[in-house]
Amino acid sequence: QVQLVESGGGLVQPGGSLRLSCAASGRLFSIYFMAWYRQAPGKQRELVASIRIEGPTNYADSVKGRFTSSRDNAKNTMYLQMNSLRPEDTALYYCNTVSYGGEAAWGQGTQVTVSS
């Protein structure tokens, strides 16, 4: 199994930046897909960025040019750099992995609030 722990959320003013981290442990060799999702109150969970192990990163139109996902394999950590934050980016952010065999893992989420 894969275990995920997010961190880095917080309160930021519009136009500000945050970097989220997702630390992974467990059967990491089996992961072939990673993603960041977010869910705002009263809304469905939304895919923010998706990464295949040997492919490009895809972003939701709403975050293109502002958010960048990266990973540090040595630290088994995935990051989401969020710049030019807007109030509509306020949500609970989750990282997700999918392993060969179809097993999905989710973190507990980290809250991002963009407000003046």
C-alpha atoms as a PDB file:
ATOM      1  CA  GLN A   1       0.000   0.000   0.000  1.00  0.00           C
ATOM      2  CA  VAL A   2       0.939   3.649  -0.431  1.00  0.00           C
ATOM      3  CA  GLN A   3       0.528   6.241   2.302  1.00  0.00           C
ATOM      4  CA  LEU A   4       0.352   9.967   1.536  1.00  0.00           C
ATOM      5  CA  VAL A   5       0.668  12.979   3.830  1.00  0.00           C
ATOM      6  CA  GLU A   6       0.038  16.508   2.582  1.00  0.00           C
ATOM      7  CA  SER A   7       1.341  19.691   4.163  1.00  0.00           C
ATOM      8  CA  GLY A   8       1.912  23.340   3.339  1.00  0.00           C
ATOM      9  CA  GLY A   9      -1.604  24.718   3.279  1.00  0.00           C
ATOM     10  CA  GLY A  10      -2.597  27.910   5.021  1.00  0.00           C
ATOM     11  CA  LEU A  11      -4.111  31.358   4.717  1.00  0.00           C
ATOM     12  CA  VAL A  12      -2.727  33.616   2.010  1.00  0.00           C
ATOM     13  CA  GLN A  13      -3.781  36.905   0.468  1.00  0.00           C
ATOM     14  CA  PRO A  14      -4.915  37.098  -3.154  1.00  0.00           C
ATOM     15  CA  GLY A  15      -1.903  37.197  -5.414  1.00  0.00           C
ATOM     16  CA  GLY A  16       0.205  35.279  -2.933  1.00  0.00           C
ATOM     17  CA  SER A  17       1.923  31.913  -3.209  1.00  0.00           C
ATOM     18  CA  LEU A  18       1.985  28.609  -1.374  1.00  0.00           C
ATOM     19  CA  ARG A  19       3.800  25.345  -1.932  1.00  0.00           C
ATOM     20  CA  LEU A  20       2.064  22.134  -0.989  1.00  0.00           C
ATOM     21  CA  SER A  21       3.982  18.956  -0.287  1.00  0.00           C
ATOM     22  CA  CYS A  22       2.865  15.350  -0.490  1.00  0.00           C
ATOM     23  CA  ALA A  23       5.155  12.848   1.194  1.00  0.00           C
ATOM     24  CA  ALA A  24       4.722   9.269   0.044  1.00  0.00           C
ATOM     25  CA  SER A  25       5.705   6.012   1.704  1.00  0.00           C
ATOM     26  CA  GLY A  26       5.047   2.327   1.190  1.00  0.00           C
ATOM     27  CA  ARG A  27       4.991   0.462  -2.140  1.00  0.00           C
ATOM     28  CA  LEU A  28       6.212   3.404  -4.187  1.00  0.00           C
ATOM     29  CA  PHE A  29       7.577   1.248  -7.012  1.00  0.00           C
ATOM     30  CA  SER A  30       4.024   0.358  -7.996  1.00  0.00           C
ATOM     31  CA  ILE A  31       2.880   3.950  -8.622  1.00  0.00           C
ATOM     32  CA  TYR A  32       2.273   4.955 -12.227  1.00  0.00           C
ATOM     33  CA  PHE A  33       0.000   7.967 -11.815  1.00  0.00           C
ATOM     34  CA  MET A  34      -0.009  10.907  -9.399  1.00  0.00           C
ATOM     35  CA  ALA A  35      -2.358  13.831  -9.083  1.00  0.00           C
ATOM     36  CA  TRP A  36      -3.451  16.832  -7.077  1.00  0.00           C
ATOM     37  CA  TYR A  37      -7.161  17.387  -6.476  1.00  0.00           C
ATOM     38  CA  ARG A  38      -9.081  20.038  -4.611  1.00  0.00           C
ATOM     39  CA  GLN A  39     -12.557  20.301  -3.175  1.00  0.00           C
ATOM     40  CA  ALA A  40     -14.252  23.529  -2.201  1.00  0.00           C
ATOM     41  CA  PRO A  41     -17.263  23.551   0.132  1.00  0.00           C
ATOM     42  CA  GLY A  42     -20.399  22.522  -1.689  1.00  0.00           C
ATOM     43  CA  LYS A  43     -18.510  21.575  -4.843  1.00  0.00           C
ATOM     44  CA  GLN A  44     -17.299  18.354  -6.389  1.00  0.00           C
ATOM     45  CA  ARG A  45     -13.684  17.292  -6.136  1.00  0.00           C
ATOM     46  CA  GLU A  46     -11.723  18.801  -9.031  1.00  0.00           C
ATOM     47  CA  LEU A  47      -8.581  17.476 -10.693  1.00  0.00           C
ATOM     48  CA  VAL A  48      -5.902  20.175 -10.527  1.00  0.00           C
ATOM     49  CA  ALA A  49      -2.810  18.456 -11.951  1.00  0.00           C
ATOM     50  CA  SER A  50      -2.091  14.945 -13.140  1.00  0.00           C
ATOM     51  CA  ILE A  51       1.262  13.311 -13.736  1.00  0.00           C
ATOM     52  CA  ARG A  52       2.085   9.981 -15.344  1.00  0.00           C
ATOM     53  CA  ILE A  53       5.441   8.560 -14.306  1.00  0.00           C
ATOM     54  CA  GLU A  54       6.852   8.815 -17.829  1.00  0.00           C
ATOM     55  CA  GLY A  55       4.640  11.475 -19.300  1.00  0.00           C
ATOM     56  CA  PRO A  56       3.787  15.153 -19.196  1.00  0.00           C
ATOM     57  CA  THR A  57       1.964  16.945 -16.430  1.00  0.00           C
ATOM     58  CA  ASN A  58      -1.515  18.147 -17.280  1.00  0.00           C
ATOM     59  CA  TYR A  59      -3.248  21.019 -15.516  1.00  0.00           C
ATOM     60  CA  ALA A  60      -6.818  22.164 -15.172  1.00  0.00           C
ATOM     61  CA  ASP A  61      -7.514  25.219 -17.293  1.00  0.00           C
ATOM     62  CA  SER A  62      -8.293  27.197 -14.158  1.00  0.00           C
ATOM     63  CA  VAL A  63      -4.722  26.828 -12.839  1.00  0.00           C
ATOM     64  CA  LYS A  64      -2.607  26.736 -16.012  1.00  0.00           C
ATOM     65  CA  GLY A  65       0.230  29.198 -15.877  1.00  0.00           C
ATOM     66  CA  ARG A  66      -0.162  29.641 -12.101  1.00  0.00           C
ATOM     67  CA  PHE A  67       0.362  26.177 -10.608  1.00  0.00           C
ATOM     68  CA  THR A  68       3.323  23.867 -11.165  1.00  0.00           C
ATOM     69  CA  SER A  69       3.649  20.295  -9.968  1.00  0.00           C
ATOM     70  CA  SER A  70       7.015  18.666  -9.439  1.00  0.00           C
ATOM     71  CA  ARG A  71       8.514  15.791  -7.529  1.00  0.00           C
ATOM     72  CA  ASP A  72      11.700  14.933  -5.716  1.00  0.00           C
ATOM     73  CA  ASN A  73      12.259  11.209  -6.135  1.00  0.00           C
ATOM     74  CA  ALA A  74      15.039  11.167  -3.560  1.00  0.00           C
ATOM     75  CA  LYS A  75      12.626  12.489  -0.945  1.00  0.00           C
ATOM     76  CA  ASN A  76       9.582  10.568  -2.220  1.00  0.00           C
ATOM     77  CA  THR A  77       7.755  13.868  -2.229  1.00  0.00           C
ATOM     78  CA  MET A  78       5.505  15.611  -4.732  1.00  0.00           C
ATOM     79  CA  TYR A  79       4.980  19.345  -4.710  1.00  0.00           C
ATOM     80  CA  LEU A  80       2.380  21.801  -5.956  1.00  0.00           C
ATOM     81  CA  GLN A  81       3.703  25.335  -6.324  1.00  0.00           C
ATOM     82  CA  MET A  82       0.761  27.731  -6.422  1.00  0.00           C
ATOM     83  CA  ASN A  83       1.321  31.312  -7.532  1.00  0.00           C
ATOM     84  CA  SER A  84      -1.031  34.229  -8.170  1.00  0.00           C
ATOM     85  CA  LEU A  85      -3.587  32.665  -5.872  1.00  0.00           C
ATOM     86  CA  ARG A  86      -7.203  33.728  -6.159  1.00  0.00           C
ATOM     87  CA  PRO A  87     -10.113  33.449  -3.722  1.00  0.00           C
ATOM     88  CA  GLU A  88     -11.621  30.782  -5.976  1.00  0.00           C
ATOM     89  CA  ASP A  89      -8.559  28.613  -5.302  1.00  0.00           C
ATOM     90  CA  THR A  90      -9.770  28.194  -1.712  1.00  0.00           C
ATOM     91  CA  ALA A  91     -10.294  24.480  -1.126  1.00  0.00           C
ATOM     92  CA  LEU A  92      -9.064  21.380   0.612  1.00  0.00           C
ATOM     93  CA  TYR A  93      -6.199  20.043  -1.494  1.00  0.00           C
ATOM     94  CA  TYR A  94      -5.458  16.331  -1.768  1.00  0.00           C
ATOM     95  CA  CYS A  95      -2.714  14.331  -3.392  1.00  0.00           C
ATOM     96  CA  ASN A  96      -3.534  11.007  -5.007  1.00  0.00           C
ATOM     97  CA  THR A  97      -1.623   8.112  -6.459  1.00  0.00           C
ATOM     98  CA  VAL A  98      -2.708   5.130  -8.489  1.00  0.00           C
ATOM     99  CA  SER A  99      -0.686   1.941  -8.583  1.00  0.00           C
ATOM    100  CA  TYR A 100      -0.512  -0.893 -11.056  1.00  0.00           C
ATOM    101  CA  GLY A 101      -3.398  -3.129 -10.122  1.00  0.00           C
ATOM    102  CA  GLY A 102      -5.692  -0.141  -9.635  1.00  0.00           C
ATOM    103  CA  GLU A 103      -5.016   0.653  -5.984  1.00  0.00           C
ATOM    104  CA  ALA A 104      -5.641   4.330  -5.221  1.00  0.00           C
ATOM    105  CA  ALA A 105      -4.204   6.218  -2.272  1.00  0.00           C
ATOM    106  CA  TRP A 106      -5.297   9.568  -0.858  1.00  0.00           C
ATOM    107  CA  GLY A 107      -3.816  11.899   1.678  1.00  0.00           C
ATOM    108  CA  GLN A 108      -5.820  13.546   4.423  1.00  0.00           C
ATOM    109  CA  GLY A 109      -5.877  16.899   2.657  1.00  0.00           C
ATOM    110  CA  THR A 110      -4.452  20.314   3.445  1.00  0.00           C
ATOM    111  CA  GLN A 111      -6.582  23.462   3.572  1.00  0.00           C
ATOM    112  CA  VAL A 112      -5.759  26.420   1.362  1.00  0.00           C
ATOM    113  CA  THR A 113      -7.627  29.652   2.042  1.00  0.00           C
ATOM    114  CA  VAL A 114      -7.131  32.704  -0.163  1.00  0.00           C
ATOM    115  CA  SER A 115      -8.597  35.786   1.432  1.00  0.00           C
ATOM    116  CA  SER A 116      -7.746  39.370   2.236  1.00  0.00           C
END
